[in-house]
Protein backbone atom coordinates (compact mmCIF):
# COMPACT_ATOMS: atom_id res chain seq x y z
CA MET A 1 -5.32 -4.95 14.14
CA THR A 2 -6.95 -6.86 11.25
CA GLN A 3 -6.04 -10.53 9.43
CA ARG A 4 -5.10 -8.87 6.65
CA ALA A 5 -3.15 -5.97 8.06
CA TRP A 6 -0.82 -8.75 9.99
CA SER A 7 -0.49 -10.64 6.76
CA ARG A 8 1.57 -7.50 5.48
CA ALA A 9 3.72 -6.61 8.60
CA GLU A 10 4.76 -10.64 8.74
CA GLY A 11 8.68 -10.82 7.95
CA SER A 12 11.69 -9.16 8.78
CA TYR A 13 12.84 -6.25 9.80
CA VAL A 14 16.32 -4.94 10.68
CA GLY A 15 17.87 -1.15 11.35
CA PRO A 16 18.52 0.67 14.91
CA LEU A 17 16.96 1.54 17.15
CA ARG A 18 18.89 4.94 19.01
CA SER A 19 17.47 5.72 22.57
CA THR A 20 18.38 8.17 25.96
CA SER A 21 18.37 8.61 29.18
CA LEU A 22 18.00 11.82 31.72
CA ARG A 23 17.68 9.88 35.52
CA GLY A 24 20.02 10.14 37.44
CA GLY A 25 23.20 8.67 37.24
CA PHE A 26 21.99 6.51 34.11
CA GLU A 27 22.72 9.65 31.47
CA GLY A 28 23.28 8.25 28.79
CA GLN A 29 22.94 7.64 24.93
CA SER A 30 21.74 3.84 23.64
CA VAL A 31 22.20 2.49 19.53
CA ILE A 32 21.19 -0.88 19.14
CA GLU A 33 20.81 -2.59 15.90
CA THR A 34 17.91 -4.60 15.55
CA ARG A 35 15.84 -7.56 13.69
CA ILE A 36 12.26 -8.42 14.45
CA ASP A 37 11.07 -11.59 12.89
CA LEU A 38 6.84 -11.72 12.61
CA SER A 39 4.94 -14.78 12.20
CA GLY A 40 1.87 -16.72 13.07
CA TRP A 41 -1.55 -15.26 13.46
CA VAL A 42 -2.89 -11.76 14.39
CA ASP A 43 -4.23 -13.68 17.74
CA ASN A 44 -0.95 -15.00 18.52
CA PRO A 45 1.87 -13.98 16.85
CA ALA A 46 5.35 -15.44 16.65
CA VAL A 47 8.21 -13.32 17.48
CA THR A 48 11.85 -13.22 17.45
CA MET A 49 13.94 -10.50 18.25
CA GLN A 50 17.85 -10.06 17.88
CA THR A 51 19.81 -7.46 19.57
CA ASN A 52 22.61 -5.92 19.65
CA ASN A 53 23.09 -2.76 22.21
CA GLY A 54 25.66 -0.44 22.49
CA PHE A 55 25.52 1.79 25.04
CA SER A 56 27.54 4.77 27.44
CA THR A 57 26.25 6.30 30.55
CA ALA A 58 28.01 7.85 33.22
CA TRP A 59 29.15 4.97 35.14
CA ALA A 60 30.01 2.86 32.08
CA MET A 61 32.45 4.79 29.46
CA TYR A 62 31.20 1.49 26.39
CA GLY A 63 29.44 -1.18 27.11
CA GLU A 64 27.54 -4.01 24.64
CA ARG A 65 25.25 -6.17 24.93
CA LYS A 66 23.55 -8.84 23.05
CA GLY A 67 20.16 -10.41 22.97
CA LEU A 68 18.29 -12.75 21.65
CA TYR A 69 14.21 -12.95 23.17
CA THR A 70 11.25 -14.51 21.57
CA ASN A 71 8.21 -16.56 22.13
CA VAL A 72 8.36 -19.47 19.85
CA PRO A 73 9.28 -22.45 22.35
CA ALA A 74 12.11 -24.32 19.70
CA LYS A 75 13.63 -20.97 19.60
CA ARG A 76 14.09 -20.25 22.88
CA TYR A 77 17.12 -21.92 24.23
CA GLY A 78 20.03 -19.36 24.62
CA SER A 79 17.39 -16.65 24.37
CA GLN A 80 18.19 -14.15 27.11
CA GLY A 81 14.46 -13.27 27.86
CA THR A 82 10.99 -13.72 26.75
CA ILE A 83 8.66 -11.59 24.43
CA TYR A 84 4.88 -11.47 25.12
CA ALA A 85 2.84 -9.97 22.32
CA SER A 86 -0.48 -8.18 21.39
CA THR A 87 -1.31 -6.76 18.46
CA HIS A 88 -3.59 -3.31 18.31
CA ALA A 89 -6.14 -1.89 15.85
CA PRO A 90 -5.40 -0.21 13.24
CA ASP A 91 -2.07 -0.67 12.35
CA GLN A 92 0.55 -1.56 15.76
CA LEU A 93 2.40 -4.11 17.72
CA LEU A 94 3.09 -3.59 21.66
CA LEU A 95 6.50 -5.68 22.82
CA ILE A 96 7.12 -6.72 25.79
CA LEU A 97 10.54 -7.83 26.75
CA ARG A 98 11.32 -9.93 29.87
CA ARG A 99 14.98 -10.75 30.50
CA PHE A 100 15.49 -14.25 32.20
CA GLY A 101 18.34 -14.08 35.14
CA ALA A 102 19.33 -11.43 37.36
CA SER A 103 17.84 -8.69 36.13
CA ALA A 104 13.98 -10.49 34.74
CA GLY A 105 13.27 -7.94 36.65
CA THR A 106 13.93 -4.96 34.17
CA THR A 107 11.52 -4.85 30.69
CA ASP A 108 11.47 -2.64 27.80
CA TRP A 109 8.64 -1.84 25.96
CA LEU A 110 7.94 -1.65 21.72
CA ILE A 111 5.64 0.01 20.35
CA ILE A 112 5.11 -0.74 16.81
CA THR A 113 3.65 1.00 14.31
CA PHE A 114 4.09 -0.30 10.81
CA HIS A 115 3.16 1.82 8.03
CA GLY A 116 4.13 0.32 4.30
CA ASP A 117 7.40 -1.68 3.98
CA ASN A 118 8.50 0.23 6.85
CA ALA A 119 8.29 -0.07 10.99
CA TYR A 120 8.31 2.91 13.51
CA VAL A 121 9.30 1.85 17.20
CA ASP A 122 9.03 3.87 20.42
CA VAL A 123 10.86 2.14 22.73
CA ILE A 124 10.47 2.48 26.69
CA GLY A 125 13.40 0.98 28.57
CA HIS A 126 14.30 0.58 31.74
CA SER A 127 16.04 2.78 33.68
CA GLY A 128 14.41 5.76 32.32
CA TRP A 129 16.07 5.13 28.57
CA ARG A 130 12.87 6.57 25.39
CA GLY A 131 14.36 6.17 22.06
CA GLU A 132 12.72 5.73 18.61
CA GLY A 133 13.98 4.12 15.48
CA GLU A 134 12.19 2.81 12.11
CA LEU A 135 13.26 -0.19 10.99
CA TRP A 136 13.10 -1.42 7.31
CA LYS A 137 11.38 -4.88 6.06
CA ILE A 138 12.99 -7.31 3.89
CA PRO A 139 12.17 -8.05 0.63
CA GLN A 140 10.58 -11.48 0.71
CA PRO A 141 12.37 -13.92 -2.25
């Protein structure tokens, strides 16, 4: 991604990401209300991601998980994990989320493709979760 393309992508995005899992015992659905804040430089993007995840599986009728993930050291206090971010040509951003604590071995991948003021997201999650969604850019004042 060029610096010019990144400057158009910087900002805050909100929206739902929907995913399903079809792996033994983990069949279910998930809706993740997401906010992603992007800043920094194209070579070293600064990312903060807030999630509110509601899910249902064969093992849990209903569950919720809230999360804050970031690669910004000043915002790391109270976060559930860190983000590894890299940009790719011509208009994509790869986010790898790594959780702290007991579930540190699980990883979610988000492939974000920017198009105008929208961002299209493909989610590849742990335990077979796969999904997609569209995030909308919050207009700057």
